[in-house]
Amino acid sequence: MTDTQLYLAIGVPVIANAAMLTVMATLLGARITSLETSFNARFASLEARFEILTGKVAELTDRVTRLEERTARQ
């Protein structure tokens, strides 16, 4: 076996594995970015719903306060 054959026997698989790992890392990064975007959208939706619920609780609190004032006057 010549030196060139040895270098090719070792180098080609190493380069192929390095290329494959690079592609996999890129795909993983894209997937993580996609998940991050999805989570951000879901959290934004939850925040909006929470704000709506907070507003409704405030409205109910106001109504109860008014009813308490009415009953206290009577």
N, C-alpha and C. Protein backbone atom coordinates (compact mmCIF):
# COMPACT_ATOMS: atom_id res chain seq x y z
N MET A 1 0.86 -1.17 0.00
CA MET A 1 0.00 0.00 0.00
C MET A 1 0.91 1.24 0.00
N THR A 2 0.63 2.14 -0.91
CA THR A 2 1.43 3.36 -0.99
C THR A 2 0.88 4.40 -0.02
N ASP A 3 1.66 5.44 0.18
CA ASP A 3 1.23 6.51 1.06
C ASP A 3 -0.06 7.17 0.55
N THR A 4 -0.15 7.35 -0.74
CA THR A 4 -1.34 7.97 -1.34
C THR A 4 -2.57 7.13 -1.08
N GLN A 5 -2.46 5.83 -1.22
CA GLN A 5 -3.59 4.94 -0.97
C GLN A 5 -4.02 5.02 0.50
N LEU A 6 -3.05 5.06 1.39
CA LEU A 6 -3.34 5.16 2.81
C LEU A 6 -4.06 6.47 3.11
N TYR A 7 -3.56 7.56 2.57
CA TYR A 7 -4.18 8.86 2.80
C TYR A 7 -5.61 8.89 2.27
N LEU A 8 -5.82 8.29 1.10
CA LEU A 8 -7.17 8.23 0.55
C LEU A 8 -8.08 7.32 1.38
N ALA A 9 -7.54 6.21 1.85
CA ALA A 9 -8.34 5.28 2.65
C ALA A 9 -8.78 5.91 3.97
N ILE A 10 -7.95 6.77 4.51
CA ILE A 10 -8.30 7.43 5.77
C ILE A 10 -9.00 8.76 5.52
N GLY A 11 -8.53 9.51 4.56
CA GLY A 11 -9.03 10.87 4.33
C GLY A 11 -10.43 10.96 3.78
N VAL A 12 -10.76 10.11 2.82
CA VAL A 12 -12.09 10.17 2.18
C VAL A 12 -13.21 9.94 3.20
N PRO A 13 -13.14 8.88 4.03
CA PRO A 13 -14.21 8.71 5.02
C PRO A 13 -14.28 9.85 6.04
N VAL A 14 -13.12 10.37 6.42
CA VAL A 14 -13.10 11.48 7.38
C VAL A 14 -13.78 12.71 6.79
N ILE A 15 -13.45 13.02 5.55
CA ILE A 15 -14.06 14.18 4.88
C ILE A 15 -15.56 13.96 4.68
N ALA A 16 -15.95 12.75 4.31
CA ALA A 16 -17.38 12.44 4.13
C ALA A 16 -18.13 12.60 5.45
N ASN A 17 -17.56 12.10 6.54
CA ASN A 17 -18.20 12.23 7.84
C ASN A 17 -18.29 13.69 8.28
N ALA A 18 -17.25 14.44 8.03
CA ALA A 18 -17.26 15.86 8.38
C ALA A 18 -18.34 16.60 7.60
N ALA A 19 -18.47 16.27 6.32
CA ALA A 19 -19.51 16.90 5.50
C ALA A 19 -20.89 16.51 6.00
N MET A 20 -21.07 15.25 6.36
CA MET A 20 -22.36 14.79 6.86
C MET A 20 -22.71 15.47 8.18
N LEU A 21 -21.73 15.61 9.06
CA LEU A 21 -21.97 16.28 10.34
C LEU A 21 -22.32 17.75 10.14
N THR A 22 -21.70 18.38 9.17
CA THR A 22 -22.01 19.78 8.87
C THR A 22 -23.45 19.92 8.38
N VAL A 23 -23.86 19.03 7.49
CA VAL A 23 -25.23 19.06 6.99
C VAL A 23 -26.22 18.80 8.12
N MET A 24 -25.93 17.82 8.97
CA MET A 24 -26.83 17.51 10.08
C MET A 24 -26.91 18.67 11.07
N ALA A 25 -25.80 19.34 11.33
CA ALA A 25 -25.80 20.50 12.23
C ALA A 25 -26.63 21.63 11.65
N THR A 26 -26.53 21.83 10.36
CA THR A 26 -27.33 22.86 9.70
C THR A 26 -28.81 22.55 9.79
N LEU A 27 -29.16 21.29 9.52
CA LEU A 27 -30.57 20.89 9.61
C LEU A 27 -31.10 21.01 11.04
N LEU A 28 -30.29 20.64 12.00
CA LEU A 28 -30.69 20.75 13.40
C LEU A 28 -30.89 22.21 13.79
N GLY A 29 -30.00 23.07 13.33
CA GLY A 29 -30.16 24.50 13.60
C GLY A 29 -31.45 25.05 13.01
N ALA A 30 -31.77 24.62 11.81
CA ALA A 30 -33.02 25.07 11.17
C ALA A 30 -34.23 24.57 11.94
N ARG A 31 -34.16 23.34 12.42
CA ARG A 31 -35.27 22.77 13.19
C ARG A 31 -35.46 23.51 14.51
N ILE A 32 -34.36 23.84 15.16
CA ILE A 32 -34.44 24.57 16.43
C ILE A 32 -35.03 25.96 16.19
N THR A 33 -34.63 26.60 15.12
CA THR A 33 -35.19 27.91 14.78
C THR A 33 -36.68 27.81 14.52
N SER A 34 -37.10 26.77 13.84
CA SER A 34 -38.52 26.55 13.57
C SER A 34 -39.30 26.34 14.86
N LEU A 35 -38.75 25.53 15.76
CA LEU A 35 -39.41 25.30 17.04
C LEU A 35 -39.48 26.57 17.87
N GLU A 36 -38.43 27.37 17.82
CA GLU A 36 -38.42 28.63 18.56
C GLU A 36 -39.51 29.56 18.04
N THR A 37 -39.65 29.63 16.74
CA THR A 37 -40.69 30.46 16.14
C THR A 37 -42.08 29.97 16.55
N SER A 38 -42.26 28.66 16.54
CA SER A 38 -43.54 28.08 16.94
C SER A 38 -43.86 28.37 18.39
N PHE A 39 -42.87 28.20 19.27
CA PHE A 39 -43.09 28.48 20.69
C PHE A 39 -43.39 29.96 20.92
N ASN A 40 -42.69 30.83 20.22
CA ASN A 40 -42.94 32.26 20.37
C ASN A 40 -44.36 32.61 19.97
N ALA A 41 -44.84 32.01 18.89
CA ALA A 41 -46.22 32.26 18.45
C ALA A 41 -47.22 31.75 19.47
N ARG A 42 -46.97 30.57 20.03
CA ARG A 42 -47.88 30.01 21.03
C ARG A 42 -47.89 30.85 22.30
N PHE A 43 -46.72 31.30 22.74
CA PHE A 43 -46.67 32.13 23.93
C PHE A 43 -47.37 33.48 23.70
N ALA A 44 -47.23 34.03 22.51
CA ALA A 44 -47.92 35.28 22.19
C ALA A 44 -49.42 35.08 22.24
N SER A 45 -49.88 33.94 21.74
CA SER A 45 -51.31 33.62 21.78
C SER A 45 -51.79 33.46 23.22
N LEU A 46 -51.00 32.79 24.03
CA LEU A 46 -51.36 32.63 25.44
C LEU A 46 -51.39 33.97 26.17
N GLU A 47 -50.43 34.84 25.87
CA GLU A 47 -50.42 36.16 26.49
C GLU A 47 -51.67 36.94 26.11
N ALA A 48 -52.07 36.86 24.86
CA ALA A 48 -53.28 37.56 24.42
C ALA A 48 -54.51 37.01 25.15
N ARG A 49 -54.59 35.70 25.27
CA ARG A 49 -55.72 35.10 25.98
C ARG A 49 -55.71 35.48 27.46
N PHE A 50 -54.53 35.52 28.04
CA PHE A 50 -54.42 35.90 29.44
C PHE A 50 -54.88 37.35 29.64
N GLU A 51 -54.53 38.23 28.71
CA GLU A 51 -54.98 39.62 28.80
C GLU A 51 -56.50 39.70 28.70
N ILE A 52 -57.09 38.91 27.83
CA ILE A 52 -58.55 38.88 27.71
C ILE A 52 -59.18 38.42 29.02
N LEU A 53 -58.64 37.35 29.59
CA LEU A 53 -59.16 36.84 30.86
C LEU A 53 -58.99 37.86 31.98
N THR A 54 -57.86 38.54 32.00
CA THR A 54 -57.63 39.56 33.02
C THR A 54 -58.66 40.68 32.89
N GLY A 55 -58.95 41.07 31.66
CA GLY A 55 -59.97 42.10 31.43
C GLY A 55 -61.34 41.64 31.90
N LYS A 56 -61.68 40.40 31.64
CA LYS A 56 -62.99 39.88 32.06
C LYS A 56 -63.09 39.81 33.58
N VAL A 57 -62.01 39.43 34.24
CA VAL A 57 -62.01 39.39 35.71
C VAL A 57 -62.17 40.81 36.26
N ALA A 58 -61.52 41.77 35.64
CA ALA A 58 -61.66 43.16 36.08
C ALA A 58 -63.10 43.63 35.91
N GLU A 59 -63.73 43.26 34.79
CA GLU A 59 -65.14 43.62 34.58
C GLU A 59 -66.02 42.99 35.65
N LEU A 60 -65.79 41.72 35.95
CA LEU A 60 -66.59 41.05 36.98
C LEU A 60 -66.37 41.70 38.35
N THR A 61 -65.15 42.07 38.63
CA THR A 61 -64.86 42.74 39.90
C THR A 61 -65.61 44.06 39.99
N ASP A 62 -65.63 44.81 38.91
CA ASP A 62 -66.37 46.07 38.89
C ASP A 62 -67.86 45.83 39.11
N ARG A 63 -68.40 44.82 38.46
CA ARG A 63 -69.83 44.51 38.63
C ARG A 63 -70.15 44.13 40.07
N VAL A 64 -69.32 43.29 40.65
CA VAL A 64 -69.55 42.87 42.03
C VAL A 64 -69.45 44.07 42.97
N THR A 65 -68.49 44.93 42.73
CA THR A 65 -68.33 46.13 43.56
C THR A 65 -69.58 47.00 43.47
N ARG A 66 -70.10 47.19 42.26
CA ARG A 66 -71.32 47.99 42.10
C ARG A 66 -72.51 47.33 42.80
N LEU A 67 -72.61 46.01 42.69
CA LEU A 67 -73.71 45.31 43.37
C LEU A 67 -73.58 45.43 44.88
N GLU A 68 -72.36 45.34 45.38
CA GLU A 68 -72.15 45.50 46.82
C GLU A 68 -72.54 46.90 47.28
N GLU A 69 -72.21 47.91 46.47
CA GLU A 69 -72.58 49.29 46.82
C GLU A 69 -74.09 49.46 46.82
N ARG A 70 -74.75 48.85 45.83
CA ARG A 70 -76.22 48.93 45.76
C ARG A 70 -76.88 48.30 46.99
N THR A 71 -76.40 47.09 47.31
CA THR A 71 -77.01 46.40 48.46
C THR A 71 -76.68 47.10 49.77
N ALA A 72 -75.56 47.77 49.84
CA ALA A 72 -75.20 48.49 51.07
C ALA A 72 -76.10 49.71 51.25
N ARG A 73 -76.55 50.33 50.17
CA ARG A 73 -77.42 51.51 50.24
C ARG A 73 -78.84 51.13 50.63
N GLN A 74 -79.25 49.92 50.32
CA GLN A 74 -80.64 49.53 50.56
C GLN A 74 -80.86 49.09 51.95
